[in-house]
């Protein structure tokens, strides 16, 4: 994991302990679809496969997930959101995540769909877009 005082990997500008850390620890829930998406990005960046799975919608969640230990997530850019607010049941977040793996570099561009399940935001699925 990361130190609570370190900058959060999600790029919010906040310390990890004020941003995604409390979500990863179960101390707080994501209030919006974007907040959940940012926390999932941070979980990928920190290698927290348990959080990634727990935040996945039960209808689309894989049985297991294996994160690549040499894949380094470098930056997250939130491009836009549609719904997904504190009073919504569904939302969409479009983002671009930049990565490095050895000498290779690339980006993941996705339009992700989120739904509330039992009052909690969950990642349902997404459409990959040209990076």
Protein backbone atom coordinates (compact mmCIF):
# COMPACT_ATOMS: atom_id res chain seq x y z
CA UNK A 1 0.00 0.00 0.00
CA UNK A 2 1.04 3.61 0.36
CA UNK A 3 1.63 5.98 3.23
CA UNK A 4 -1.51 7.87 4.32
CA UNK A 5 0.30 11.20 3.90
CA UNK A 6 1.48 10.43 0.34
CA UNK A 7 -0.40 11.89 -2.60
CA UNK A 8 -3.27 9.70 -3.68
CA UNK A 9 -2.57 7.77 -6.92
CA UNK A 10 -5.97 8.87 -8.32
CA UNK A 11 -4.64 12.38 -9.01
CA UNK A 12 -7.12 14.25 -6.84
CA UNK A 13 -4.29 16.22 -5.23
CA UNK A 14 -5.31 14.98 -1.77
CA UNK A 15 -3.31 12.74 0.52
CA UNK A 16 -4.09 9.03 0.19
CA UNK A 17 -5.36 9.00 3.78
CA UNK A 18 -7.92 11.70 2.93
CA UNK A 19 -8.93 10.36 -0.46
CA UNK A 20 -8.98 6.70 -1.54
CA UNK A 21 -7.36 5.21 1.57
CA UNK A 22 -10.52 5.33 3.71
CA UNK A 23 -12.50 3.69 0.88
CA UNK A 24 -9.90 0.93 0.52
CA UNK A 25 -9.96 0.38 4.30
CA UNK A 26 -13.78 0.27 4.40
CA UNK A 27 -13.96 3.33 6.65
CA UNK A 28 -15.97 5.31 4.10
CA UNK A 29 -18.14 4.62 1.04
CA UNK A 30 -17.82 6.24 -2.36
CA UNK A 31 -20.40 9.03 -2.59
CA UNK A 32 -20.28 9.21 -6.39
CA UNK A 33 -19.49 6.98 -9.36
CA UNK A 34 -16.40 9.10 -10.06
CA UNK A 35 -15.16 8.64 -6.52
CA UNK A 36 -15.54 4.87 -6.86
CA UNK A 37 -13.77 4.91 -10.23
CA UNK A 38 -10.88 6.91 -8.74
CA UNK A 39 -10.64 4.48 -5.82
CA UNK A 40 -10.57 1.54 -8.23
CA UNK A 41 -7.77 3.17 -10.23
CA UNK A 42 -5.83 3.68 -6.98
CA UNK A 43 -6.44 0.04 -6.05
CA UNK A 44 -5.05 -1.08 -9.41
CA UNK A 45 -2.07 1.26 -8.96
CA UNK A 46 -1.39 -0.10 -5.46
CA UNK A 47 -2.01 -3.75 -6.33
CA UNK A 48 -5.11 -4.11 -4.14
CA UNK A 49 -6.95 -6.85 -6.07
CA UNK A 50 -9.32 -7.50 -3.15
CA UNK A 51 -10.71 -3.95 -3.35
CA UNK A 52 -10.99 -4.13 -7.14
CA UNK A 53 -13.10 -7.28 -6.85
CA UNK A 54 -15.17 -5.99 -3.92
CA UNK A 55 -16.06 -2.82 -5.85
CA UNK A 56 -17.23 -4.77 -8.93
CA UNK A 57 -20.95 -5.28 -9.58
CA UNK A 58 -21.92 -8.83 -8.54
CA UNK A 59 -23.57 -9.49 -11.94
CA UNK A 60 -20.34 -8.84 -13.86
CA UNK A 61 -17.60 -9.55 -11.28
CA UNK A 62 -15.06 -12.17 -12.33
CA UNK A 63 -14.32 -14.99 -9.88
CA UNK A 64 -10.71 -13.82 -9.54
CA UNK A 65 -8.46 -11.12 -10.85
CA UNK A 66 -4.73 -11.26 -11.31
CA UNK A 67 -2.93 -7.93 -11.38
CA UNK A 68 0.33 -7.69 -13.30
CA UNK A 69 3.03 -6.78 -10.75
CA UNK A 70 5.26 -5.06 -13.33
CA UNK A 71 2.46 -2.85 -14.71
CA UNK A 72 2.82 0.67 -13.32
CA UNK A 73 -0.16 3.01 -13.49
CA UNK A 74 1.24 6.52 -13.96
CA UNK A 75 -1.67 8.94 -14.28
CA UNK A 76 -5.45 9.15 -14.30
CA UNK A 77 -7.37 11.76 -16.29
CA UNK A 78 -11.12 11.93 -15.76
CA UNK A 79 -12.56 13.13 -19.06
CA UNK A 80 -16.19 13.42 -18.07
CA UNK A 81 -19.11 12.07 -16.09
CA UNK A 82 -22.80 11.57 -16.70
CA UNK A 83 -25.06 11.19 -13.67
CA UNK A 84 -23.41 9.12 -10.94
CA UNK A 85 -24.02 11.71 -8.23
CA UNK A 86 -24.96 11.19 -4.58
CA UNK A 87 -28.67 10.80 -5.43
CA UNK A 88 -28.33 8.79 -8.66
CA UNK A 89 -28.63 5.04 -9.10
CA UNK A 90 -26.47 4.86 -12.24
CA UNK A 91 -23.61 6.80 -13.67
CA UNK A 92 -20.97 6.86 -16.38
CA UNK A 93 -17.36 7.98 -16.02
CA UNK A 94 -15.02 8.37 -18.97
CA UNK A 95 -11.33 8.26 -18.13
CA UNK A 96 -7.88 7.76 -19.55
CA UNK A 97 -5.28 5.92 -17.46
CA UNK A 98 -1.62 6.03 -18.51
CA UNK A 99 0.57 3.00 -17.81
CA UNK A 100 4.11 1.70 -18.18
CA UNK A 101 5.25 -1.92 -18.30
CA UNK A 102 8.99 -2.31 -18.76
CA UNK A 103 9.90 -0.36 -21.90
CA UNK A 104 6.28 -0.25 -23.10
CA UNK A 105 3.99 2.68 -22.47
CA UNK A 106 0.33 3.09 -23.22
CA UNK A 107 -3.05 4.28 -22.08
CA UNK A 108 -6.40 2.74 -21.26
CA UNK A 109 -9.36 4.87 -22.37
CA UNK A 110 -12.69 3.63 -21.08
CA UNK A 111 -16.27 4.75 -20.63
CA UNK A 112 -17.26 2.91 -17.44
CA UNK A 113 -20.77 2.22 -16.19
CA UNK A 114 -21.57 2.19 -12.48
CA UNK A 115 -24.68 1.17 -10.54
CA UNK A 116 -25.67 1.19 -6.92
CA UNK A 117 -26.09 -2.21 -5.29
CA UNK A 118 -27.49 -2.16 -1.77
CA UNK A 119 -26.78 1.57 -1.63
CA UNK A 120 -23.11 1.16 -2.65
CA UNK A 121 -21.61 2.24 -5.95
CA UNK A 122 -20.24 -0.68 -7.97
CA UNK A 123 -18.42 -0.89 -11.31
CA UNK A 124 -20.73 -2.67 -13.78
CA UNK A 125 -18.78 -2.70 -17.06
CA UNK A 126 -17.21 -0.42 -19.61
CA UNK A 127 -16.47 0.24 -23.24
CA UNK A 128 -12.88 0.56 -24.36
CA UNK A 129 -12.26 3.60 -26.52
CA UNK A 130 -9.27 4.52 -28.72
CA UNK A 131 -6.45 5.63 -26.44
